[in-house]
Amino acid sequence: MFLGEDLLAWLLLAFGGAMFVGNVAAVFRPREAPREDGELTHAPKARSLAMAALGLVASLWALFTLVVGG
């Protein structure tokens, strides 16, 4: 198979990890000031934490798939 048998699991691990880290960083380290008019000063906490949880589940699922070899 092109780029290996576990390509989908590796991509899910990468995207899930990035989703988790990015959303957690947005909640705990917001910008000092908005860059443009009408831009939020901080990330919506509930939505960001929900997306971080989804990213964590996806990355853990991918990691489990890679370790078990399924």
N, C-alpha and C. Protein backbone atom coordinates (compact mmCIF):
# COMPACT_ATOMS: atom_id res chain seq x y z
N MET A 1 0.84 -1.18 0.00
CA MET A 1 0.00 0.00 0.00
C MET A 1 0.89 1.24 0.00
N PHE A 2 0.39 2.28 -0.61
CA PHE A 2 1.12 3.54 -0.69
C PHE A 2 1.35 4.14 0.69
N LEU A 3 2.57 4.41 1.05
CA LEU A 3 3.00 5.01 2.33
C LEU A 3 2.73 4.12 3.54
N GLY A 4 2.59 2.85 3.34
CA GLY A 4 2.49 1.94 4.48
C GLY A 4 1.07 1.49 4.78
N GLU A 5 0.99 0.40 5.51
CA GLU A 5 -0.30 -0.18 5.86
C GLU A 5 -1.04 0.63 6.94
N ASP A 6 -0.31 1.36 7.76
CA ASP A 6 -0.91 2.07 8.89
C ASP A 6 -1.04 3.57 8.65
N LEU A 7 -1.15 3.96 7.41
CA LEU A 7 -1.21 5.39 7.08
C LEU A 7 -2.38 6.10 7.76
N LEU A 8 -3.54 5.49 7.72
CA LEU A 8 -4.73 6.12 8.31
C LEU A 8 -4.57 6.29 9.82
N ALA A 9 -4.01 5.31 10.49
CA ALA A 9 -3.80 5.41 11.93
C ALA A 9 -2.79 6.51 12.26
N TRP A 10 -1.71 6.61 11.46
CA TRP A 10 -0.72 7.67 11.70
C TRP A 10 -1.31 9.05 11.47
N LEU A 11 -2.13 9.19 10.43
CA LEU A 11 -2.78 10.47 10.17
C LEU A 11 -3.76 10.83 11.28
N LEU A 12 -4.51 9.86 11.76
CA LEU A 12 -5.45 10.10 12.86
C LEU A 12 -4.70 10.50 14.13
N LEU A 13 -3.57 9.87 14.38
CA LEU A 13 -2.75 10.23 15.54
C LEU A 13 -2.24 11.66 15.42
N ALA A 14 -1.78 12.03 14.24
CA ALA A 14 -1.27 13.39 14.04
C ALA A 14 -2.36 14.45 14.17
N PHE A 15 -3.48 14.23 13.49
CA PHE A 15 -4.55 15.22 13.54
C PHE A 15 -5.21 15.28 14.92
N GLY A 16 -5.40 14.14 15.55
CA GLY A 16 -5.97 14.13 16.89
C GLY A 16 -5.07 14.80 17.91
N GLY A 17 -3.77 14.54 17.81
CA GLY A 17 -2.82 15.18 18.72
C GLY A 17 -2.77 16.68 18.51
N ALA A 18 -2.76 17.11 17.25
CA ALA A 18 -2.75 18.54 16.96
C ALA A 18 -4.03 19.22 17.43
N MET A 19 -5.14 18.54 17.27
CA MET A 19 -6.43 19.08 17.72
C MET A 19 -6.44 19.24 19.24
N PHE A 20 -5.91 18.24 19.94
CA PHE A 20 -5.86 18.30 21.39
C PHE A 20 -4.94 19.43 21.87
N VAL A 21 -3.72 19.45 21.38
CA VAL A 21 -2.74 20.44 21.83
C VAL A 21 -3.17 21.86 21.46
N GLY A 22 -3.68 22.04 20.26
CA GLY A 22 -4.09 23.37 19.82
C GLY A 22 -5.24 23.94 20.63
N ASN A 23 -6.23 23.13 20.92
CA ASN A 23 -7.37 23.61 21.70
C ASN A 23 -7.03 23.85 23.16
N VAL A 24 -6.19 23.00 23.73
CA VAL A 24 -5.77 23.23 25.12
C VAL A 24 -4.93 24.50 25.21
N ALA A 25 -4.05 24.71 24.23
CA ALA A 25 -3.25 25.93 24.22
C ALA A 25 -4.13 27.17 24.05
N ALA A 26 -5.18 27.07 23.25
CA ALA A 26 -6.07 28.21 23.05
C ALA A 26 -6.81 28.58 24.33
N VAL A 27 -7.11 27.59 25.17
CA VAL A 27 -7.82 27.87 26.42
C VAL A 27 -6.86 28.43 27.47
N PHE A 28 -5.70 27.83 27.61
CA PHE A 28 -4.81 28.20 28.71
C PHE A 28 -3.83 29.31 28.38
N ARG A 29 -3.60 29.60 27.10
CA ARG A 29 -2.71 30.68 26.72
C ARG A 29 -3.36 31.54 25.64
N PRO A 30 -4.38 32.32 26.00
CA PRO A 30 -5.05 33.14 24.98
C PRO A 30 -4.15 34.30 24.52
N ARG A 31 -4.54 34.91 23.42
CA ARG A 31 -3.80 36.07 22.91
C ARG A 31 -3.94 37.23 23.88
N GLU A 32 -2.98 38.12 23.80
CA GLU A 32 -3.03 39.33 24.65
C GLU A 32 -4.10 40.29 24.16
N ALA A 33 -4.22 40.43 22.83
CA ALA A 33 -5.21 41.35 22.26
C ALA A 33 -5.64 40.80 20.90
N PRO A 34 -6.87 41.12 20.49
CA PRO A 34 -7.32 40.66 19.16
C PRO A 34 -6.51 41.33 18.04
N ARG A 35 -6.32 40.61 16.94
CA ARG A 35 -5.56 41.16 15.80
C ARG A 35 -6.42 42.06 14.92
N GLU A 36 -7.71 41.75 14.83
CA GLU A 36 -8.61 42.52 13.96
C GLU A 36 -9.85 42.93 14.75
N ASP A 37 -10.60 43.86 14.19
CA ASP A 37 -11.85 44.28 14.82
C ASP A 37 -12.85 43.13 14.76
N GLY A 38 -13.57 42.90 15.83
CA GLY A 38 -14.57 41.85 15.88
C GLY A 38 -14.03 40.48 16.22
N GLU A 39 -12.73 40.36 16.41
CA GLU A 39 -12.14 39.07 16.74
C GLU A 39 -12.24 38.82 18.25
N LEU A 40 -12.42 37.56 18.62
CA LEU A 40 -12.55 37.23 20.04
C LEU A 40 -11.23 37.45 20.78
N THR A 41 -11.35 37.82 22.05
CA THR A 41 -10.14 38.01 22.86
C THR A 41 -9.66 36.69 23.46
N HIS A 42 -10.57 35.72 23.61
CA HIS A 42 -10.18 34.40 24.11
C HIS A 42 -11.08 33.35 23.47
N ALA A 43 -10.62 32.12 23.49
CA ALA A 43 -11.37 31.03 22.86
C ALA A 43 -12.58 30.65 23.72
N PRO A 44 -13.68 30.24 23.10
CA PRO A 44 -14.83 29.75 23.87
C PRO A 44 -14.42 28.47 24.62
N LYS A 45 -14.51 28.49 25.94
CA LYS A 45 -13.97 27.40 26.75
C LYS A 45 -14.68 26.06 26.53
N ALA A 46 -15.99 26.06 26.52
CA ALA A 46 -16.73 24.80 26.39
C ALA A 46 -16.45 24.13 25.05
N ARG A 47 -16.51 24.90 23.98
CA ARG A 47 -16.26 24.34 22.66
C ARG A 47 -14.82 23.87 22.51
N SER A 48 -13.88 24.65 23.01
CA SER A 48 -12.46 24.28 22.90
C SER A 48 -12.15 23.03 23.71
N LEU A 49 -12.71 22.92 24.89
CA LEU A 49 -12.46 21.72 25.70
C LEU A 49 -13.15 20.49 25.10
N ALA A 50 -14.31 20.68 24.47
CA ALA A 50 -14.98 19.56 23.80
C ALA A 50 -14.15 19.09 22.60
N MET A 51 -13.62 20.03 21.83
CA MET A 51 -12.78 19.67 20.69
C MET A 51 -11.46 19.03 21.15
N ALA A 52 -10.92 19.50 22.28
CA ALA A 52 -9.71 18.89 22.83
C ALA A 52 -9.98 17.47 23.26
N ALA A 53 -11.13 17.23 23.87
CA ALA A 53 -11.49 15.87 24.28
C ALA A 53 -11.66 14.97 23.06
N LEU A 54 -12.26 15.48 22.02
CA LEU A 54 -12.42 14.71 20.78
C LEU A 54 -11.06 14.37 20.17
N GLY A 55 -10.15 15.33 20.17
CA GLY A 55 -8.80 15.09 19.66
C GLY A 55 -8.05 14.07 20.50
N LEU A 56 -8.24 14.13 21.81
CA LEU A 56 -7.59 13.16 22.69
C LEU A 56 -8.11 11.75 22.43
N VAL A 57 -9.42 11.61 22.29
CA VAL A 57 -10.01 10.30 22.01
C VAL A 57 -9.49 9.77 20.67
N ALA A 58 -9.45 10.62 19.66
CA ALA A 58 -8.98 10.19 18.34
C ALA A 58 -7.52 9.76 18.39
N SER A 59 -6.68 10.51 19.08
CA SER A 59 -5.27 10.15 19.13
C SER A 59 -5.04 8.90 19.98
N LEU A 60 -5.79 8.73 21.05
CA LEU A 60 -5.65 7.51 21.85
C LEU A 60 -6.13 6.29 21.06
N TRP A 61 -7.19 6.46 20.29
CA TRP A 61 -7.70 5.38 19.46
C TRP A 61 -6.64 4.98 18.42
N ALA A 62 -6.03 5.97 17.78
CA ALA A 62 -5.00 5.69 16.77
C ALA A 62 -3.79 5.04 17.41
N LEU A 63 -3.39 5.52 18.59
CA LEU A 63 -2.25 4.94 19.27
C LEU A 63 -2.52 3.48 19.65
N PHE A 64 -3.71 3.20 20.13
CA PHE A 64 -4.10 1.83 20.46
C PHE A 64 -4.06 0.95 19.22
N THR A 65 -4.56 1.48 18.10
CA THR A 65 -4.54 0.73 16.85
C THR A 65 -3.12 0.42 16.41
N LEU A 66 -2.22 1.38 16.55
CA LEU A 66 -0.84 1.15 16.15
C LEU A 66 -0.12 0.17 17.06
N VAL A 67 -0.39 0.24 18.36
CA VAL A 67 0.28 -0.64 19.31
C VAL A 67 -0.21 -2.07 19.19
N VAL A 68 -1.53 -2.24 19.10
CA VAL A 68 -2.11 -3.57 19.02
C VAL A 68 -1.87 -4.18 17.62
N GLY A 69 -1.83 -3.33 16.62
CA GLY A 69 -1.57 -3.82 15.27
C GLY A 69 -2.82 -4.26 14.53
N GLY A 70 -3.95 -3.76 14.96
CA GLY A 70 -5.21 -4.18 14.37
C GLY A 70 -5.54 -3.44 13.16
